[in-house]
Structures are given as structure tokens and as C-alpha cells.
């Protein structure tokens, strides 16, 4: 993985075999990002675990084969869970699958663009009605 920052904009390149979630968590630590936006990601990902919220829990599926990332975006909050990402991937047959991102491995690479927020503080608090840790803005 390589990354660099210009003002509050961070560009990350993940290489083959890099764990996407772990790499992003490392970037957050390296650049002191407590609140931010994952503006987009492109590339390919394998061993992708995604979920669909059915109103009570996530129904998860794991895709072993690589998919072309057509959408990858989300938020970074100051408390757990730090990352909230949605992803869509195009498969070999040109179908698209997507959902809440849980994990995946870059293969052969991914490019991810982040924006560090300095004055807006994002955090998550449990909403008992939805059962989700929802975004709060301070």
C-alpha cells in the first residue's frame, strides 16, 4: 500500500493482496483522520464480504472471485464502527452485486480517495428503533 496527502485529501493505492479494511484503518491512523469521507474507490477486489440489512441483521454473502469495483464510498466516524462503506462490483458476466462492505482483498489493485474532515465531527450512536449505530454530526 502507498498513500499521500495534500491538505485534507488522501490518495491510497492498494496492491495485490492488501486487506482493504485493515489498510484503510492504517491510513486513518497514519494521517490522524477521526472524521472523514470515503469519496470513491476503483479497481478490483476478491474475497469480498458484503451484507444486506434486512431490518434486524445483515444477511452476508462472500464473493470469492474478483469483481471490478464500480462503486465504493462511505464515511469515517470518530468512534466504532469507524468505517461505514457501501460497495458494488461488476462480475465477469456483467452482473452487479453490492451492499454494506465488511471485508475484501485488493486484486490486483484498488485506488481509494479520502477527505479528512477537520471541523465536522462524525460519530455513531445506537438508534434503538432501527437497531443500527447511526451517524451523528457534531
C-alpha atoms as a PDB file:
ATOM      1  CA  UNK A   1       0.000   0.000   0.000  1.00  0.00           C
ATOM      2  CA  UNK A   2       1.104   3.514  -0.752  1.00  0.00           C
ATOM      3  CA  UNK A   3      -0.596   6.777   0.170  1.00  0.00           C
ATOM      4  CA  UNK A   4      -0.057  10.504   0.230  1.00  0.00           C
ATOM      5  CA  UNK A   5      -1.879  13.591   1.460  1.00  0.00           C
ATOM      6  CA  UNK A   6      -2.382  17.095   0.097  1.00  0.00           C
ATOM      7  CA  UNK A   7      -4.111  19.396   2.587  1.00  0.00           C
ATOM      8  CA  UNK A   8      -7.053  17.167   3.634  1.00  0.00           C
ATOM      9  CA  UNK A   9      -7.195  14.946   0.562  1.00  0.00           C
ATOM     10  CA  UNK A  10      -5.653  11.480   0.792  1.00  0.00           C
ATOM     11  CA  UNK A  11      -4.994   9.159  -2.138  1.00  0.00           C
ATOM     12  CA  UNK A  12      -4.410   5.486  -1.368  1.00  0.00           C
ATOM     13  CA  UNK A  13      -3.221   2.741  -3.708  1.00  0.00           C
ATOM     14  CA  UNK A  14      -3.706  -0.807  -2.509  1.00  0.00           C
ATOM     15  CA  UNK A  15      -1.674  -3.530  -4.151  1.00  0.00           C
ATOM     16  CA  UNK A  16      -2.460  -7.182  -4.786  1.00  0.00           C
ATOM     17  CA  UNK A  17      -3.145  -8.958  -1.510  1.00  0.00           C
ATOM     18  CA  UNK A  18      -3.712  -5.845   0.605  1.00  0.00           C
ATOM     19  CA  UNK A  19      -6.629  -6.191   3.015  1.00  0.00           C
ATOM     20  CA  UNK A  20      -8.931  -3.265   2.205  1.00  0.00           C
ATOM     21  CA  UNK A  21     -10.355  -2.713   5.702  1.00  0.00           C
ATOM     22  CA  UNK A  22      -7.034  -3.109   7.504  1.00  0.00           C
ATOM     23  CA  UNK A  23      -5.287  -0.829   5.018  1.00  0.00           C
ATOM     24  CA  UNK A  24      -7.898   1.901   5.403  1.00  0.00           C
ATOM     25  CA  UNK A  25      -7.682   1.656   9.190  1.00  0.00           C
ATOM     26  CA  UNK A  26      -3.918   2.086   8.914  1.00  0.00           C
ATOM     27  CA  UNK A  27      -4.340   5.172   6.722  1.00  0.00           C
ATOM     28  CA  UNK A  28      -6.708   6.687   9.305  1.00  0.00           C
ATOM     29  CA  UNK A  29      -4.044   6.215  11.972  1.00  0.00           C
ATOM     30  CA  UNK A  30      -1.161   7.412   9.771  1.00  0.00           C
ATOM     31  CA  UNK A  31      -2.888  10.696   8.899  1.00  0.00           C
ATOM     32  CA  UNK A  32      -4.814  11.288  12.134  1.00  0.00           C
ATOM     33  CA  UNK A  33      -8.228  11.019  10.488  1.00  0.00           C
ATOM     34  CA  UNK A  34     -11.046  10.977  13.060  1.00  0.00           C
ATOM     35  CA  UNK A  35     -13.874  12.064  10.768  1.00  0.00           C
ATOM     36  CA  UNK A  36     -13.934  11.850   7.017  1.00  0.00           C
ATOM     37  CA  UNK A  37     -15.476  10.824   3.764  1.00  0.00           C
ATOM     38  CA  UNK A  38     -14.519   7.921   1.558  1.00  0.00           C
ATOM     39  CA  UNK A  39     -15.277   9.679  -1.703  1.00  0.00           C
ATOM     40  CA  UNK A  40     -14.703   6.762  -4.054  1.00  0.00           C
ATOM     41  CA  UNK A  41     -12.700   3.696  -4.855  1.00  0.00           C
ATOM     42  CA  UNK A  42     -11.919   1.893  -8.090  1.00  0.00           C
ATOM     43  CA  UNK A  43     -10.044  -1.265  -9.012  1.00  0.00           C
ATOM     44  CA  UNK A  44     -10.710  -4.919  -8.339  1.00  0.00           C
ATOM     45  CA  UNK A  45     -11.446  -6.828  -5.165  1.00  0.00           C
ATOM     46  CA  UNK A  46     -11.718 -10.523  -4.258  1.00  0.00           C
ATOM     47  CA  UNK A  47     -12.908 -12.419  -1.189  1.00  0.00           C
ATOM     48  CA  UNK A  48     -15.449  -9.641  -0.843  1.00  0.00           C
ATOM     49  CA  UNK A  49     -17.894  -9.975   2.044  1.00  0.00           C
ATOM     50  CA  UNK A  50     -20.977  -7.784   1.692  1.00  0.00           C
ATOM     51  CA  UNK A  51     -24.229  -7.555   3.555  1.00  0.00           C
ATOM     52  CA  UNK A  52     -27.839  -6.549   3.124  1.00  0.00           C
ATOM     53  CA  UNK A  53     -29.649  -5.089   6.161  1.00  0.00           C
ATOM     54  CA  UNK A  54     -33.000  -6.885   6.462  1.00  0.00           C
ATOM     55  CA  UNK A  55     -34.238  -4.667   9.287  1.00  0.00           C
ATOM     56  CA  UNK A  56     -32.874  -6.891  12.038  1.00  0.00           C
ATOM     57  CA  UNK A  57     -29.455  -8.079  10.912  1.00  0.00           C
ATOM     58  CA  UNK A  58     -27.095  -8.206   7.962  1.00  0.00           C
ATOM     59  CA  UNK A  59     -27.564 -11.065   5.536  1.00  0.00           C
ATOM     60  CA  UNK A  60     -23.985 -11.661   4.408  1.00  0.00           C
ATOM     61  CA  UNK A  61     -22.555 -13.205   1.271  1.00  0.00           C
ATOM     62  CA  UNK A  62     -18.919 -13.752   0.316  1.00  0.00           C
ATOM     63  CA  UNK A  63     -17.746 -13.497  -3.288  1.00  0.00           C
ATOM     64  CA  UNK A  64     -14.561 -15.490  -3.855  1.00  0.00           C
ATOM     65  CA  UNK A  65     -13.996 -14.374  -7.452  1.00  0.00           C
ATOM     66  CA  UNK A  66     -12.613 -10.921  -8.208  1.00  0.00           C
ATOM     67  CA  UNK A  67     -15.068  -8.165  -9.073  1.00  0.00           C
ATOM     68  CA  UNK A  68     -14.500  -4.823 -10.784  1.00  0.00           C
ATOM     69  CA  UNK A  69     -15.291  -2.082  -8.254  1.00  0.00           C
ATOM     70  CA  UNK A  70     -17.937   0.201  -9.751  1.00  0.00           C
ATOM     71  CA  UNK A  71     -18.877   1.934  -6.504  1.00  0.00           C
ATOM     72  CA  UNK A  72     -17.044   2.299  -3.186  1.00  0.00           C
ATOM     73  CA  UNK A  73     -17.914   5.113  -0.817  1.00  0.00           C
ATOM     74  CA  UNK A  74     -18.769   5.850   2.789  1.00  0.00           C
ATOM     75  CA  UNK A  75     -17.935   7.688   5.980  1.00  0.00           C
ATOM     76  CA  UNK A  76     -15.301   7.594   8.706  1.00  0.00           C
ATOM     77  CA  UNK A  77     -16.512   8.258  12.234  1.00  0.00           C
ATOM     78  CA  UNK A  78     -14.623   9.128  15.397  1.00  0.00           C
ATOM     79  CA  UNK A  79     -15.946   6.056  17.243  1.00  0.00           C
ATOM     80  CA  UNK A  80     -16.687   2.430  16.401  1.00  0.00           C
ATOM     81  CA  UNK A  81     -17.564   1.313  13.879  1.00  0.00           C
ATOM     82  CA  UNK A  82     -15.073   3.722  12.284  1.00  0.00           C
ATOM     83  CA  UNK A  83     -15.810   2.703   8.701  1.00  0.00           C
ATOM     84  CA  UNK A  84     -19.227   2.591   7.047  1.00  0.00           C
ATOM     85  CA  UNK A  85     -18.746   1.675   3.402  1.00  0.00           C
ATOM     86  CA  UNK A  86     -21.013   0.526   0.600  1.00  0.00           C
ATOM     87  CA  UNK A  87     -19.572  -1.267  -2.404  1.00  0.00           C
ATOM     88  CA  UNK A  88     -20.773  -2.547  -5.774  1.00  0.00           C
ATOM     89  CA  UNK A  89     -18.793  -4.823  -8.049  1.00  0.00           C
ATOM     90  CA  UNK A  90     -19.299  -5.918 -11.641  1.00  0.00           C
ATOM     91  CA  UNK A  91     -18.765  -9.631 -12.188  1.00  0.00           C
ATOM     92  CA  UNK A  92     -17.461 -11.493 -15.257  1.00  0.00           C
ATOM     93  CA  UNK A  93     -21.000 -11.928 -16.639  1.00  0.00           C
ATOM     94  CA  UNK A  94     -21.552  -8.142 -16.285  1.00  0.00           C
ATOM     95  CA  UNK A  95     -23.995  -8.562 -13.404  1.00  0.00           C
ATOM     96  CA  UNK A  96     -23.532  -6.265 -10.427  1.00  0.00           C
ATOM     97  CA  UNK A  97     -23.634  -7.188  -6.739  1.00  0.00           C
ATOM     98  CA  UNK A  98     -23.333  -4.837  -3.842  1.00  0.00           C
ATOM     99  CA  UNK A  99     -24.136  -3.927  -0.299  1.00  0.00           C
ATOM    100  CA  UNK A 100     -22.554  -2.998   3.007  1.00  0.00           C
ATOM    101  CA  UNK A 101     -18.788  -3.650   2.889  1.00  0.00           C
ATOM    102  CA  UNK A 102     -17.404  -5.988   5.548  1.00  0.00           C
ATOM    103  CA  UNK A 103     -14.093  -7.156   4.082  1.00  0.00           C
ATOM    104  CA  UNK A 104     -12.138  -7.798   0.919  1.00  0.00           C
ATOM    105  CA  UNK A 105      -8.697  -8.128  -0.642  1.00  0.00           C
ATOM    106  CA  UNK A 106      -7.358  -5.884  -3.411  1.00  0.00           C
ATOM    107  CA  UNK A 107      -6.647  -7.961  -6.531  1.00  0.00           C
ATOM    108  CA  UNK A 108      -4.760  -6.748  -8.479  1.00  0.00           C
ATOM    109  CA  UNK A 109      -5.171  -3.209  -7.058  1.00  0.00           C
ATOM    110  CA  UNK A 110      -7.522  -0.560  -5.729  1.00  0.00           C
ATOM    111  CA  UNK A 111      -7.354   3.225  -5.662  1.00  0.00           C
ATOM    112  CA  UNK A 112      -9.240   4.957  -2.846  1.00  0.00           C
ATOM    113  CA  UNK A 113      -9.745   8.687  -2.300  1.00  0.00           C
ATOM    114  CA  UNK A 114     -10.471  10.073   1.184  1.00  0.00           C
ATOM    115  CA  UNK A 115     -11.324  13.512   2.513  1.00  0.00           C
ATOM    116  CA  UNK A 116     -10.316  14.321   6.102  1.00  0.00           C
ATOM    117  CA  UNK A 117     -12.852  16.496   7.919  1.00  0.00           C
ATOM    118  CA  UNK A 118     -11.430  18.908  10.493  1.00  0.00           C
ATOM    119  CA  UNK A 119     -14.375  20.859  11.884  1.00  0.00           C
ATOM    120  CA  UNK A 120     -17.229  18.422  11.368  1.00  0.00           C
ATOM    121  CA  UNK A 121     -17.138  15.538  13.840  1.00  0.00           C
ATOM    122  CA  UNK A 122     -18.875  12.358  12.745  1.00  0.00           C
ATOM    123  CA  UNK A 123     -19.784   9.737  15.329  1.00  0.00           C
ATOM    124  CA  UNK A 124     -22.154   6.801  15.602  1.00  0.00           C
ATOM    125  CA  UNK A 125     -24.856   6.248  18.203  1.00  0.00           C
ATOM    126  CA  UNK A 126     -27.211   3.321  18.553  1.00  0.00           C
ATOM    127  CA  UNK A 127     -30.754   4.051  17.416  1.00  0.00           C
ATOM    128  CA  UNK A 128     -32.900   1.556  19.326  1.00  0.00           C
ATOM    129  CA  UNK A 129     -35.666   1.932  16.747  1.00  0.00           C
ATOM    130  CA  UNK A 130     -33.544   0.870  13.787  1.00  0.00           C
ATOM    131  CA  UNK A 131     -31.072  -1.277  15.701  1.00  0.00           C
ATOM    132  CA  UNK A 132     -28.221   0.469  13.878  1.00  0.00           C
ATOM    133  CA  UNK A 133     -25.370   2.663  15.039  1.00  0.00           C
ATOM    134  CA  UNK A 134     -26.398   5.720  13.061  1.00  0.00           C
ATOM    135  CA  UNK A 135     -24.336   8.701  12.008  1.00  0.00           C
ATOM    136  CA  UNK A 136     -24.465  11.779  14.232  1.00  0.00           C
ATOM    137  CA  UNK A 137     -22.947  15.098  13.193  1.00  0.00           C
ATOM    138  CA  UNK A 138     -21.365  17.473  15.713  1.00  0.00           C
END
